Amino acid sequence: MFSAILTWAGAILGIAVLLAMAFGPVVADLDASRLKHWFRRRTRHRHHSDVG
């Protein structure tokens, strides 16, 4: 009984790790695009304040 519980727990943890590995690059790309948008917006405001 105990080995069956450990087997199922290991399987669930393994699936969780596989899903995290699969969706990791997607989350990183979304985060990078958000950071690029923020950086562009910040530098655009900085240039306008330098001119005016």
N, C-alpha and C. Protein backbone atom coordinates (compact mmCIF):
# COMPACT_ATOMS: atom_id res chain seq x y z
N MET A 1 0.82 -1.19 0.00
CA MET A 1 0.00 0.00 0.00
C MET A 1 0.87 1.26 0.00
N PHE A 2 1.89 1.24 0.85
CA PHE A 2 2.76 2.40 0.94
C PHE A 2 3.52 2.63 -0.37
N SER A 3 3.94 1.55 -1.00
CA SER A 3 4.67 1.69 -2.27
C SER A 3 3.74 2.20 -3.38
N ALA A 4 2.48 1.85 -3.33
CA ALA A 4 1.52 2.37 -4.32
C ALA A 4 1.33 3.87 -4.15
N ILE A 5 1.27 4.33 -2.91
CA ILE A 5 1.14 5.76 -2.65
C ILE A 5 2.38 6.51 -3.13
N LEU A 6 3.54 5.95 -2.84
CA LEU A 6 4.78 6.58 -3.30
C LEU A 6 4.87 6.60 -4.83
N THR A 7 4.40 5.55 -5.46
CA THR A 7 4.42 5.49 -6.92
C THR A 7 3.54 6.59 -7.51
N TRP A 8 2.31 6.73 -6.98
CA TRP A 8 1.42 7.77 -7.49
C TRP A 8 1.95 9.17 -7.19
N ALA A 9 2.52 9.35 -6.02
CA ALA A 9 3.09 10.66 -5.68
C ALA A 9 4.25 10.99 -6.62
N GLY A 10 5.08 10.01 -6.90
CA GLY A 10 6.19 10.22 -7.83
C GLY A 10 5.71 10.52 -9.24
N ALA A 11 4.65 9.84 -9.65
CA ALA A 11 4.10 10.09 -10.99
C ALA A 11 3.53 11.50 -11.08
N ILE A 12 2.84 11.94 -10.06
CA ILE A 12 2.26 13.29 -10.07
C ILE A 12 3.37 14.34 -10.06
N LEU A 13 4.39 14.13 -9.25
CA LEU A 13 5.52 15.06 -9.24
C LEU A 13 6.25 15.08 -10.59
N GLY A 14 6.39 13.91 -11.19
CA GLY A 14 7.04 13.84 -12.50
C GLY A 14 6.25 14.59 -13.57
N ILE A 15 4.93 14.44 -13.55
CA ILE A 15 4.09 15.16 -14.51
C ILE A 15 4.19 16.66 -14.27
N ALA A 16 4.22 17.07 -13.00
CA ALA A 16 4.34 18.49 -12.68
C ALA A 16 5.66 19.06 -13.20
N VAL A 17 6.74 18.30 -13.06
CA VAL A 17 8.04 18.76 -13.56
C VAL A 17 8.03 18.85 -15.08
N LEU A 18 7.45 17.86 -15.75
CA LEU A 18 7.36 17.91 -17.20
C LEU A 18 6.54 19.10 -17.69
N LEU A 19 5.43 19.38 -17.03
CA LEU A 19 4.62 20.54 -17.41
C LEU A 19 5.37 21.85 -17.17
N ALA A 20 6.08 21.93 -16.06
CA ALA A 20 6.87 23.13 -15.79
C ALA A 20 7.95 23.32 -16.85
N MET A 21 8.57 22.24 -17.28
CA MET A 21 9.60 22.34 -18.33
C MET A 21 8.98 22.72 -19.66
N ALA A 22 7.76 22.27 -19.92
CA ALA A 22 7.11 22.57 -21.19
C ALA A 22 6.65 24.02 -21.25
N PHE A 23 6.11 24.53 -20.15
CA PHE A 23 5.57 25.89 -20.15
C PHE A 23 6.58 26.94 -19.71
N GLY A 24 7.74 26.55 -19.29
CA GLY A 24 8.77 27.52 -18.88
C GLY A 24 9.17 28.48 -19.96
N PRO A 25 9.50 28.02 -21.17
CA PRO A 25 9.87 28.95 -22.24
C PRO A 25 8.73 29.90 -22.63
N VAL A 26 7.50 29.44 -22.55
CA VAL A 26 6.36 30.31 -22.88
C VAL A 26 6.27 31.45 -21.87
N VAL A 27 6.42 31.13 -20.61
CA VAL A 27 6.38 32.16 -19.57
C VAL A 27 7.56 33.11 -19.72
N ALA A 28 8.73 32.59 -20.05
CA ALA A 28 9.90 33.44 -20.22
C ALA A 28 9.72 34.39 -21.40
N ASP A 29 9.13 33.91 -22.50
CA ASP A 29 8.90 34.78 -23.66
C ASP A 29 7.89 35.87 -23.34
N LEU A 30 6.83 35.53 -22.62
CA LEU A 30 5.85 36.54 -22.24
C LEU A 30 6.46 37.58 -21.32
N ASP A 31 7.29 37.12 -20.39
CA ASP A 31 7.94 38.04 -19.47
C ASP A 31 8.92 38.94 -20.21
N ALA A 32 9.64 38.39 -21.18
CA ALA A 32 10.60 39.18 -21.94
C ALA A 32 9.88 40.24 -22.79
N SER A 33 8.75 39.89 -23.39
CA SER A 33 8.03 40.87 -24.19
C SER A 33 7.46 41.97 -23.30
N ARG A 34 7.02 41.62 -22.11
CA ARG A 34 6.52 42.64 -21.18
C ARG A 34 7.65 43.57 -20.75
N LEU A 35 8.85 43.00 -20.51
CA LEU A 35 9.99 43.81 -20.11
C LEU A 35 10.42 44.73 -21.25
N LYS A 36 10.42 44.23 -22.49
CA LYS A 36 10.77 45.08 -23.63
C LYS A 36 9.79 46.24 -23.77
N HIS A 37 8.49 45.96 -23.60
CA HIS A 37 7.48 47.01 -23.70
C HIS A 37 7.70 48.06 -22.61
N TRP A 38 7.98 47.63 -21.40
CA TRP A 38 8.21 48.55 -20.30
C TRP A 38 9.46 49.39 -20.54
N PHE A 39 10.52 48.74 -21.05
CA PHE A 39 11.77 49.45 -21.29
C PHE A 39 11.60 50.48 -22.40
N ARG A 40 10.89 50.11 -23.49
CA ARG A 40 10.64 51.06 -24.57
C ARG A 40 9.83 52.25 -24.08
N ARG A 41 8.81 51.99 -23.28
CA ARG A 41 7.97 53.07 -22.77
C ARG A 41 8.78 53.99 -21.86
N ARG A 42 9.64 53.41 -21.04
CA ARG A 42 10.44 54.20 -20.11
C ARG A 42 11.47 55.05 -20.85
N THR A 43 12.14 54.48 -21.85
CA THR A 43 13.15 55.25 -22.58
C THR A 43 12.49 56.31 -23.45
N ARG A 44 11.30 56.05 -23.95
CA ARG A 44 10.60 57.06 -24.75
C ARG A 44 10.26 58.27 -23.88
N HIS A 45 9.79 58.04 -22.66
CA HIS A 45 9.48 59.16 -21.77
C HIS A 45 10.74 59.90 -21.36
N ARG A 46 11.82 59.18 -21.19
CA ARG A 46 13.07 59.81 -20.80
C ARG A 46 13.55 60.74 -21.92
N HIS A 47 13.46 60.31 -23.18
CA HIS A 47 13.91 61.15 -24.29
C HIS A 47 13.05 62.40 -24.42
N HIS A 48 11.74 62.27 -24.19
CA HIS A 48 10.88 63.44 -24.28
C HIS A 48 11.21 64.44 -23.18
N SER A 49 11.55 63.97 -21.98
CA SER A 49 11.87 64.89 -20.91
C SER A 49 13.21 65.56 -21.15
N ASP A 50 14.16 64.87 -21.83
CA ASP A 50 15.45 65.48 -22.14
C ASP A 50 15.30 66.61 -23.14
N VAL A 51 14.39 66.45 -24.12
CA VAL A 51 14.22 67.45 -25.17
C VAL A 51 13.49 68.66 -24.61
N GLY A 52 12.44 68.45 -23.83
CA GLY A 52 11.60 69.54 -23.37
C GLY A 52 12.10 70.09 -22.09
